[in-house]
Amino acid sequence: MENHIRALVYRFFNLSYITRHKILSELNIITEEDEGVKHVDIIKRILPPGEKAENMNKLIDFWNRVNEEHDDKN
């Protein structure tokens, strides 16, 4: 699983800042409290064993959205 997580993080950070922010917002991963927090620190929360990893559904949704954005660009 570690390689999958690494691939996800790599793909996420290859997206533009605006696209990354859009994904985090759409999935309710970021809130107003996260204003000014770097994306890398926010991502750490949802990746196992992050503090926001309540369930795998959030991670799966995140994986799917990142891949959708990459698919749109090809």
Protein backbone atom coordinates (compact mmCIF):
# COMPACT_ATOMS: atom_id res chain seq x y z
CA MET A 1 0.00 0.00 0.00
CA GLU A 2 2.92 2.33 0.66
CA ASN A 3 3.74 2.52 -3.07
CA HIS A 4 0.12 3.36 -3.88
CA ILE A 5 0.12 6.16 -1.34
CA ARG A 6 3.40 7.48 -2.72
CA ALA A 7 1.95 7.44 -6.26
CA LEU A 8 -1.17 9.25 -5.08
CA VAL A 9 0.82 11.97 -3.36
CA TYR A 10 3.08 12.38 -6.40
CA ARG A 11 0.09 12.67 -8.75
CA PHE A 12 -1.67 15.11 -6.41
CA PHE A 13 1.31 17.44 -6.22
CA ASN A 14 1.74 17.36 -9.99
CA LEU A 15 -1.64 19.07 -10.28
CA SER A 16 -1.88 22.84 -10.22
CA TYR A 17 -2.43 24.58 -6.88
CA ILE A 18 -5.94 25.58 -7.94
CA THR A 19 -6.87 22.02 -8.91
CA ARG A 20 -5.43 20.63 -5.68
CA HIS A 21 -7.40 23.18 -3.67
CA LYS A 22 -10.57 22.37 -5.60
CA ILE A 23 -10.22 18.65 -4.83
CA LEU A 24 -9.57 19.29 -1.14
CA SER A 25 -12.58 21.61 -0.97
CA GLU A 26 -14.96 19.33 -2.86
CA LEU A 27 -14.11 16.42 -0.57
CA ASN A 28 -14.43 18.60 2.55
CA ILE A 29 -10.86 17.80 3.50
CA ILE A 30 -10.12 21.46 4.12
CA THR A 31 -12.11 23.96 6.13
CA GLU A 32 -11.85 27.66 6.85
CA GLU A 33 -9.58 26.75 9.76
CA ASP A 34 -7.05 25.44 7.23
CA GLU A 35 -6.54 28.87 5.67
CA GLY A 36 -2.82 29.31 5.12
CA VAL A 37 -1.97 25.67 5.89
CA LYS A 38 0.22 24.04 3.25
CA HIS A 39 -1.35 21.29 1.17
CA VAL A 40 1.36 18.87 2.23
CA ASP A 41 0.30 19.27 5.87
CA ILE A 42 -3.37 18.83 4.99
CA ILE A 43 -2.64 15.67 2.99
CA LYS A 44 -0.81 14.14 5.94
CA ARG A 45 -4.11 14.23 7.84
CA ILE A 46 -5.97 11.93 5.47
CA LEU A 47 -3.22 9.49 4.64
CA PRO A 48 -2.84 6.54 6.99
CA PRO A 49 -2.09 6.88 9.85
CA GLY A 50 -3.22 10.53 9.66
CA GLU A 51 -5.50 12.04 12.24
CA LYS A 52 -8.38 12.55 9.77
CA ALA A 53 -8.29 9.03 8.36
CA GLU A 54 -11.71 8.20 9.90
CA ASN A 55 -12.37 5.71 7.15
CA MET A 56 -10.97 4.56 3.85
CA ASN A 57 -13.84 6.17 1.93
CA LYS A 58 -12.23 9.61 2.19
CA LEU A 59 -8.94 8.23 0.88
CA ILE A 60 -10.71 6.39 -1.94
CA ASP A 61 -12.63 9.54 -2.91
CA PHE A 62 -9.37 11.48 -2.86
CA TRP A 63 -7.66 8.86 -5.05
CA ASN A 64 -10.54 8.97 -7.56
CA ARG A 65 -10.62 12.78 -7.78
CA VAL A 66 -6.85 13.05 -8.31
CA ASN A 67 -7.03 10.44 -11.07
CA GLU A 68 -10.01 12.19 -12.69
CA GLU A 69 -8.05 15.43 -12.87
CA HIS A 70 -5.10 13.65 -14.49
CA ASP A 71 -7.42 11.86 -16.93
CA ASP A 72 -8.96 15.20 -17.95
CA LYS A 73 -5.53 16.51 -18.91
CA ASN A 74 -4.61 13.62 -21.22
